[in-house]
Amino acid sequence: MDKHRRVIAPEILLEEYRQLLADESIDALPLVISGSSMSPFLVHGRDTVYLSRPDGQIKKGDVLLYRRNSGAYILHRVYKIENNSYTMVGDAQTELEQGITAEQVIAIMTSALRKGKMQQPGTFWWEFFRKFWLNVIPLRPFFIKLYNIICK
């Protein structure tokens, strides 16, 4: 039996998420990770994040879903907040992206299903990536190489 699968373009799906999150009766929406910019914390196709409206104050280390001026949807971590804009960085990256505004922010990650285990504020891996990993950006390539050697 041939199964037909319908694949929805990420732009269409994430625009639907934006509309759903505007509904105050919805607390969080799941989204399977696509792409590698948030590894090693979140891995493409393996992990799921739970996204909510950014109702509270956004702070350094929070993971936001936002839309670039180019139209691309991105899930990255807040590196710095100043002059009413955010500087963002993926966990796998060393380049900072400046000038993201509150109007571009769609959602905030409130929890994640990582390697089959729920991660949320206060859990070891959540805090490790929010605090330590965010502050060693220039050393990330070294740590990733070391991790790959150890895990082989």
Protein backbone atom coordinates (compact mmCIF):
# COMPACT_ATOMS: atom_id res chain seq x y z
CA MET A 1 0.00 0.00 0.00
CA ASP A 2 1.49 3.32 -1.08
CA LYS A 3 1.16 6.02 1.53
CA HIS A 4 0.94 9.58 0.30
CA ARG A 5 2.51 12.12 2.59
CA ARG A 6 1.83 15.80 2.44
CA VAL A 7 4.81 17.96 3.24
CA ILE A 8 4.12 21.53 4.29
CA ALA A 9 6.70 24.22 3.57
CA PRO A 10 8.26 25.53 6.80
CA GLU A 11 7.20 29.09 5.97
CA ILE A 12 3.54 28.06 5.79
CA LEU A 13 3.73 25.92 8.92
CA LEU A 14 5.48 28.58 10.99
CA GLU A 15 3.08 31.28 9.87
CA GLU A 16 0.30 28.97 11.12
CA TYR A 17 2.20 28.65 14.44
CA ARG A 18 2.32 32.45 14.67
CA GLN A 19 -1.46 32.61 14.33
CA LEU A 20 -2.06 29.75 16.76
CA LEU A 21 0.18 31.33 19.40
CA ALA A 22 -1.92 34.49 19.22
CA ASP A 23 -4.76 32.39 20.67
CA GLU A 24 -4.47 32.80 24.44
CA SER A 25 -6.07 29.39 25.04
CA ILE A 26 -2.95 27.69 23.60
CA ASP A 27 -0.05 27.39 26.05
CA ALA A 28 2.60 25.72 23.89
CA LEU A 29 3.08 24.17 20.47
CA PRO A 30 5.55 21.36 19.63
CA LEU A 31 8.00 21.77 16.77
CA VAL A 32 10.46 19.13 15.59
CA ILE A 33 13.91 20.62 15.10
CA SER A 34 14.98 21.21 11.52
CA GLY A 35 18.55 22.24 10.79
CA SER A 36 21.80 22.01 12.72
CA SER A 37 22.38 25.52 14.09
CA MET A 38 21.24 24.57 17.61
CA SER A 39 23.31 21.41 17.98
CA PRO A 40 24.68 19.98 20.15
CA PHE A 41 21.74 20.91 22.43
CA LEU A 42 19.05 20.28 19.82
CA VAL A 43 19.53 17.88 16.91
CA HIS A 44 17.77 17.91 13.53
CA GLY A 45 14.89 15.42 13.35
CA ARG A 46 15.59 14.00 16.81
CA ASP A 47 14.47 16.69 19.22
CA THR A 48 11.24 18.62 19.71
CA VAL A 49 10.90 22.08 21.20
CA TYR A 50 7.78 23.52 22.82
CA LEU A 51 7.07 27.10 21.88
CA SER A 52 4.94 29.68 23.70
CA ARG A 53 4.06 33.34 23.34
CA PRO A 54 6.87 35.52 24.70
CA ASP A 55 4.66 37.07 27.39
CA GLY A 56 7.36 37.73 29.98
CA GLN A 57 10.64 39.56 29.77
CA ILE A 58 13.11 37.93 27.39
CA LYS A 59 16.58 37.46 28.86
CA LYS A 60 20.05 36.35 27.88
CA GLY A 61 20.14 32.61 27.21
CA ASP A 62 16.49 32.30 26.14
CA VAL A 63 15.84 30.48 22.86
CA LEU A 64 13.57 32.40 20.49
CA LEU A 65 11.83 31.60 17.24
CA TYR A 66 12.02 34.70 15.05
CA ARG A 67 11.69 35.72 11.45
CA ARG A 68 14.58 37.40 9.68
CA ASN A 69 13.94 40.29 7.32
CA SER A 70 14.68 37.80 4.51
CA GLY A 71 11.64 35.78 5.61
CA ALA A 72 13.62 32.85 7.05
CA TYR A 73 12.42 31.42 10.37
CA ILE A 74 15.23 30.88 12.88
CA LEU A 75 15.49 29.29 16.33
CA HIS A 76 18.52 30.75 18.17
CA ARG A 77 19.64 31.79 21.61
CA VAL A 78 19.72 35.37 22.95
CA TYR A 79 23.34 36.41 23.42
CA LYS A 80 22.80 40.05 24.32
CA ILE A 81 19.98 42.59 24.70
CA GLU A 82 20.61 46.28 24.14
CA ASN A 83 18.92 49.27 22.52
CA ASN A 84 15.63 47.36 22.20
CA SER A 85 17.19 44.68 20.00
CA TYR A 86 18.57 41.20 20.43
CA THR A 87 21.90 39.72 19.40
CA MET A 88 21.33 36.05 18.60
CA VAL A 89 23.51 32.98 18.10
CA GLY A 90 22.91 29.32 17.36
CA ASP A 91 24.51 26.80 19.71
CA ALA A 92 26.58 25.43 16.81
CA GLN A 93 27.70 28.85 15.65
CA THR A 94 30.36 31.40 16.46
CA GLU A 95 28.92 34.29 14.41
CA LEU A 96 26.53 36.67 16.17
CA GLU A 97 23.41 38.04 14.48
CA GLN A 98 22.57 41.55 15.64
CA GLY A 99 19.51 43.74 15.31
CA ILE A 100 16.64 41.32 15.88
CA THR A 101 13.65 43.30 17.15
CA ALA A 102 10.75 42.30 19.39
CA GLU A 103 8.45 42.56 16.36
CA GLN A 104 10.39 39.74 14.67
CA VAL A 105 10.03 37.39 17.65
CA ILE A 106 7.29 34.79 17.25
CA ALA A 107 7.82 32.49 20.23
CA ILE A 108 10.05 31.47 23.09
CA MET A 109 11.15 27.91 23.80
CA THR A 110 9.73 26.86 27.18
CA SER A 111 10.88 23.23 27.15
CA ALA A 112 12.41 20.66 24.85
CA LEU A 113 12.31 16.92 24.36
CA ARG A 114 16.03 16.13 23.94
CA LYS A 115 17.17 12.53 23.42
CA GLY A 116 13.76 11.43 24.72
CA LYS A 117 14.08 13.38 28.00
CA MET A 118 12.23 16.56 28.85
CA GLN A 119 14.47 19.60 29.35
CA GLN A 120 13.26 22.82 30.92
CA PRO A 121 14.66 25.67 32.98
CA GLY A 122 16.58 24.22 35.91
CA THR A 123 17.57 20.90 34.30
CA PHE A 124 21.29 20.27 33.81
CA TRP A 125 21.49 20.45 30.00
CA TRP A 126 19.15 23.44 29.79
CA GLU A 127 21.32 25.42 32.20
CA PHE A 128 24.59 24.15 30.72
CA PHE A 129 23.75 25.55 27.28
CA ARG A 130 22.10 28.70 28.66
CA LYS A 131 24.98 29.64 30.95
CA PHE A 132 28.27 27.90 30.10
CA TRP A 133 27.93 27.24 26.35
CA LEU A 134 26.69 30.75 25.64
CA ASN A 135 29.84 32.22 27.20
CA VAL A 136 32.44 30.12 25.35
CA ILE A 137 31.56 31.03 21.76
CA PRO A 138 35.18 31.31 20.51
CA LEU A 139 35.99 27.91 22.05
CA ARG A 140 32.99 26.04 20.65
CA PRO A 141 34.82 24.46 17.67
CA PHE A 142 37.43 23.01 20.07
CA PHE A 143 34.78 21.62 22.45
CA ILE A 144 32.76 20.12 19.58
CA LYS A 145 35.88 18.44 18.15
CA LEU A 146 36.79 17.10 21.61
CA TYR A 147 33.23 15.82 22.12
CA ASN A 148 33.31 14.03 18.74
CA ILE A 149 36.64 12.37 19.63
CA ILE A 150 35.36 11.20 23.01
CA CYS A 151 32.08 9.88 21.60
CA LYS A 152 33.71 7.79 18.83
